Amino acid sequence: MRLHRDWLRSGRHHAGIIVLANQSTSIGAQTRGFMRLMAAHSSETMHDRLEFLDNWIS
């Protein structure tokens, strides 16, 4: 994703970016995916990380 790439190239940092590509995903599925992602990664491991929420939704 451009924002993530541009920030890292310029030496800036972020707390993590989570992207949802499939906008038709139900809010319940989004929430479950988000909870799985948060169970797998701490705030420290999310630092400067780009994650696609779709990968965490089953």
Protein backbone atom coordinates (compact mmCIF):
# COMPACT_ATOMS: atom_id res chain seq x y z
CA MET A 1 0.00 0.00 0.00
CA ARG A 2 1.28 3.39 -0.91
CA LEU A 3 0.90 5.06 2.49
CA HIS A 4 2.84 2.29 4.23
CA ARG A 5 5.59 2.29 1.58
CA ASP A 6 5.93 6.08 1.53
CA TRP A 7 6.16 6.34 5.30
CA LEU A 8 8.84 3.67 5.57
CA ARG A 9 10.85 5.11 2.67
CA SER A 10 10.84 8.54 4.33
CA GLY A 11 12.00 7.07 7.66
CA ARG A 12 8.68 7.69 9.41
CA HIS A 13 6.99 5.08 11.56
CA HIS A 14 3.39 4.11 12.26
CA ALA A 15 1.55 1.94 14.78
CA GLY A 16 0.38 -0.47 12.08
CA ILE A 17 -2.06 -0.34 9.19
CA ILE A 18 -4.97 -2.76 8.77
CA VAL A 19 -6.68 -2.85 5.37
CA LEU A 20 -10.02 -4.46 4.50
CA ALA A 21 -10.16 -5.13 0.75
CA ASN A 22 -13.61 -6.75 0.69
CA GLN A 23 -15.93 -3.96 1.80
CA SER A 24 -18.96 -6.27 1.69
CA THR A 25 -17.66 -8.35 4.63
CA SER A 26 -20.18 -8.36 7.48
CA ILE A 27 -19.31 -6.39 10.61
CA GLY A 28 -19.37 -9.63 12.61
CA ALA A 29 -16.80 -11.26 10.32
CA GLN A 30 -14.67 -8.10 10.42
CA THR A 31 -14.77 -8.11 14.21
CA ARG A 32 -13.83 -11.80 14.44
CA GLY A 33 -10.97 -11.26 11.99
CA PHE A 34 -9.76 -8.25 13.94
CA MET A 35 -9.86 -10.22 17.19
CA ARG A 36 -7.80 -13.04 15.58
CA LEU A 37 -5.27 -10.52 14.33
CA MET A 38 -4.99 -8.88 17.74
CA ALA A 39 -4.57 -12.27 19.43
CA ALA A 40 -1.67 -13.05 17.08
CA HIS A 41 0.15 -9.69 17.25
CA SER A 42 0.97 -7.35 20.11
CA SER A 43 1.08 -3.59 19.66
CA GLU A 44 4.85 -3.92 19.46
CA THR A 45 4.76 -6.46 16.61
CA MET A 46 2.18 -4.37 14.72
CA HIS A 47 4.60 -1.41 14.66
CA ASP A 48 5.32 -0.48 11.01
CA ARG A 49 3.34 -3.53 9.85
CA LEU A 50 0.77 -3.72 7.04
CA GLU A 51 -1.92 -6.38 7.51
CA PHE A 52 -4.86 -7.31 5.32
CA LEU A 53 -7.86 -8.11 7.51
CA ASP A 54 -9.23 -10.38 4.77
CA ASN A 55 -6.40 -12.82 5.59
CA TRP A 56 -7.74 -13.18 9.14
CA ILE A 57 -11.38 -13.76 8.19
CA SER A 58 -12.39 -17.37 7.69
